[in-house]
């Protein structure tokens, strides 16, 4: 015999503490995503890149410096200088194209 949707719903109980934790995690993820999107736009404008290439640059710089992408993205602000991890990559190798997609 199949359980009705109402019976299945009753079986799933979520505590308020679980909901608060999930809410905090979602807020952190959203905040991180916003910072990354803003950094992509700023890098695209600063270096004349597409948004995809700006993200690839940000990702490569974070990986090569063993930092979280969100952490590096928050340092890319319109009023600040570009973080040295990113400048080093721009100075060292061409940006865009298929070379980054192979990684």
C-alpha atoms as a PDB file:
ATOM      1  CA  UNK A   1       0.000   0.000   0.000  1.00  0.00           C
ATOM      2  CA  UNK A   2       1.339   3.417  -0.958  1.00  0.00           C
ATOM      3  CA  UNK A   3       1.647   6.231   1.508  1.00  0.00           C
ATOM      4  CA  UNK A   4      -0.395   9.280   0.710  1.00  0.00           C
ATOM      5  CA  UNK A   5       1.420  12.584   0.200  1.00  0.00           C
ATOM      6  CA  UNK A   6      -0.002  13.755   3.514  1.00  0.00           C
ATOM      7  CA  UNK A   7       1.470  10.741   5.318  1.00  0.00           C
ATOM      8  CA  UNK A   8       4.832  11.295   3.657  1.00  0.00           C
ATOM      9  CA  UNK A   9       4.773  14.943   4.684  1.00  0.00           C
ATOM     10  CA  UNK A  10       4.141  14.031   8.312  1.00  0.00           C
ATOM     11  CA  UNK A  11       7.147  11.717   8.279  1.00  0.00           C
ATOM     12  CA  UNK A  12       9.468  14.585   7.390  1.00  0.00           C
ATOM     13  CA  UNK A  13       9.988  16.645  10.501  1.00  0.00           C
ATOM     14  CA  UNK A  14      12.465  19.481  10.508  1.00  0.00           C
ATOM     15  CA  UNK A  15      13.428  21.186  13.728  1.00  0.00           C
ATOM     16  CA  UNK A  16      13.620  24.958  13.994  1.00  0.00           C
ATOM     17  CA  UNK A  17      17.354  24.618  14.676  1.00  0.00           C
ATOM     18  CA  UNK A  18      17.801  22.705  11.406  1.00  0.00           C
ATOM     19  CA  UNK A  19      15.891  25.394   9.533  1.00  0.00           C
ATOM     20  CA  UNK A  20      17.996  28.143  11.125  1.00  0.00           C
ATOM     21  CA  UNK A  21      21.189  26.335  10.153  1.00  0.00           C
ATOM     22  CA  UNK A  22      20.001  25.853   6.585  1.00  0.00           C
ATOM     23  CA  UNK A  23      18.954  29.501   6.405  1.00  0.00           C
ATOM     24  CA  UNK A  24      22.416  30.632   7.575  1.00  0.00           C
ATOM     25  CA  UNK A  25      24.108  28.355   5.038  1.00  0.00           C
ATOM     26  CA  UNK A  26      21.965  29.697   2.211  1.00  0.00           C
ATOM     27  CA  UNK A  27      22.673  33.302   3.214  1.00  0.00           C
ATOM     28  CA  UNK A  28      26.414  32.578   3.223  1.00  0.00           C
ATOM     29  CA  UNK A  29      26.210  30.927  -0.197  1.00  0.00           C
ATOM     30  CA  UNK A  30      24.247  33.858  -1.618  1.00  0.00           C
ATOM     31  CA  UNK A  31      26.661  36.393  -0.169  1.00  0.00           C
ATOM     32  CA  UNK A  32      29.585  34.460  -1.622  1.00  0.00           C
ATOM     33  CA  UNK A  33      27.951  34.292  -5.037  1.00  0.00           C
ATOM     34  CA  UNK A  34      27.236  38.027  -5.046  1.00  0.00           C
ATOM     35  CA  UNK A  35      30.890  38.811  -4.241  1.00  0.00           C
ATOM     36  CA  UNK A  36      32.083  36.505  -7.035  1.00  0.00           C
ATOM     37  CA  UNK A  37      29.687  38.042  -9.577  1.00  0.00           C
ATOM     38  CA  UNK A  38      30.783  41.563  -8.619  1.00  0.00           C
ATOM     39  CA  UNK A  39      34.459  40.586  -8.877  1.00  0.00           C
ATOM     40  CA  UNK A  40      33.849  39.079 -12.335  1.00  0.00           C
ATOM     41  CA  UNK A  41      32.320  42.334 -13.535  1.00  0.00           C
ATOM     42  CA  UNK A  42      35.113  44.454 -12.107  1.00  0.00           C
ATOM     43  CA  UNK A  43      37.857  42.241 -13.563  1.00  0.00           C
ATOM     44  CA  UNK A  44      36.105  42.158 -16.931  1.00  0.00           C
ATOM     45  CA  UNK A  45      36.051  45.944 -16.997  1.00  0.00           C
ATOM     46  CA  UNK A  46      39.604  46.411 -15.704  1.00  0.00           C
ATOM     47  CA  UNK A  47      41.210  43.974 -18.129  1.00  0.00           C
ATOM     48  CA  UNK A  48      38.797  44.036 -21.077  1.00  0.00           C
ATOM     49  CA  UNK A  49      37.681  40.432 -20.541  1.00  0.00           C
ATOM     50  CA  UNK A  50      34.476  38.533 -21.085  1.00  0.00           C
ATOM     51  CA  UNK A  51      32.684  37.507 -17.883  1.00  0.00           C
ATOM     52  CA  UNK A  52      33.698  33.884 -18.497  1.00  0.00           C
ATOM     53  CA  UNK A  53      37.343  34.860 -18.882  1.00  0.00           C
ATOM     54  CA  UNK A  54      37.149  37.060 -15.778  1.00  0.00           C
ATOM     55  CA  UNK A  55      35.794  34.107 -13.792  1.00  0.00           C
ATOM     56  CA  UNK A  56      38.506  31.837 -15.194  1.00  0.00           C
ATOM     57  CA  UNK A  57      41.129  34.374 -14.138  1.00  0.00           C
ATOM     58  CA  UNK A  58      39.647  34.655 -10.652  1.00  0.00           C
ATOM     59  CA  UNK A  59      39.457  30.870 -10.322  1.00  0.00           C
ATOM     60  CA  UNK A  60      43.037  30.346 -11.532  1.00  0.00           C
ATOM     61  CA  UNK A  61      44.356  33.035  -9.194  1.00  0.00           C
ATOM     62  CA  UNK A  62      42.530  31.501  -6.235  1.00  0.00           C
ATOM     63  CA  UNK A  63      43.797  28.012  -7.045  1.00  0.00           C
ATOM     64  CA  UNK A  64      47.376  29.075  -7.656  1.00  0.00           C
ATOM     65  CA  UNK A  65      47.471  30.957  -4.354  1.00  0.00           C
ATOM     66  CA  UNK A  66      45.566  28.206  -2.482  1.00  0.00           C
ATOM     67  CA  UNK A  67      42.812  30.555  -1.439  1.00  0.00           C
ATOM     68  CA  UNK A  68      39.055  30.309  -1.597  1.00  0.00           C
ATOM     69  CA  UNK A  69      37.583  32.029  -4.617  1.00  0.00           C
ATOM     70  CA  UNK A  70      35.158  33.971  -2.431  1.00  0.00           C
ATOM     71  CA  UNK A  71      38.001  35.270  -0.272  1.00  0.00           C
ATOM     72  CA  UNK A  72      39.894  36.566  -3.293  1.00  0.00           C
ATOM     73  CA  UNK A  73      36.724  37.941  -4.884  1.00  0.00           C
ATOM     74  CA  UNK A  74      36.002  40.122  -1.848  1.00  0.00           C
ATOM     75  CA  UNK A  75      39.396  41.771  -2.363  1.00  0.00           C
ATOM     76  CA  UNK A  76      38.474  42.844  -5.894  1.00  0.00           C
ATOM     77  CA  UNK A  77      36.726  46.092  -5.133  1.00  0.00           C
ATOM     78  CA  UNK A  78      36.277  49.117  -7.409  1.00  0.00           C
ATOM     79  CA  UNK A  79      38.174  51.380  -5.016  1.00  0.00           C
ATOM     80  CA  UNK A  80      41.040  48.935  -4.349  1.00  0.00           C
ATOM     81  CA  UNK A  81      43.946  47.762  -6.423  1.00  0.00           C
ATOM     82  CA  UNK A  82      43.651  44.375  -8.072  1.00  0.00           C
ATOM     83  CA  UNK A  83      44.982  41.614  -5.759  1.00  0.00           C
ATOM     84  CA  UNK A  84      48.546  40.612  -6.606  1.00  0.00           C
ATOM     85  CA  UNK A  85      47.520  36.984  -7.286  1.00  0.00           C
ATOM     86  CA  UNK A  86      45.444  38.196 -10.222  1.00  0.00           C
ATOM     87  CA  UNK A  87      47.917  40.785 -11.504  1.00  0.00           C
ATOM     88  CA  UNK A  88      50.669  38.148 -11.464  1.00  0.00           C
ATOM     89  CA  UNK A  89      48.601  35.874 -13.713  1.00  0.00           C
ATOM     90  CA  UNK A  90      47.638  38.675 -16.092  1.00  0.00           C
ATOM     91  CA  UNK A  91      51.285  39.696 -16.438  1.00  0.00           C
ATOM     92  CA  UNK A  92      52.462  36.108 -16.897  1.00  0.00           C
ATOM     93  CA  UNK A  93      50.052  34.544 -19.370  1.00  0.00           C
ATOM     94  CA  UNK A  94      47.361  35.435 -21.887  1.00  0.00           C
ATOM     95  CA  UNK A  95      43.788  35.459 -20.648  1.00  0.00           C
ATOM     96  CA  UNK A  96      40.932  33.702 -22.380  1.00  0.00           C
ATOM     97  CA  UNK A  97      40.828  31.136 -25.115  1.00  0.00           C
ATOM     98  CA  UNK A  98      40.957  27.392 -24.784  1.00  0.00           C
ATOM     99  CA  UNK A  99      44.057  27.088 -22.604  1.00  0.00           C
ATOM    100  CA  UNK A 100      42.068  27.728 -19.424  1.00  0.00           C
ATOM    101  CA  UNK A 101      39.284  25.339 -20.375  1.00  0.00           C
ATOM    102  CA  UNK A 102      41.710  22.424 -20.390  1.00  0.00           C
ATOM    103  CA  UNK A 103      42.227  22.700 -16.611  1.00  0.00           C
END
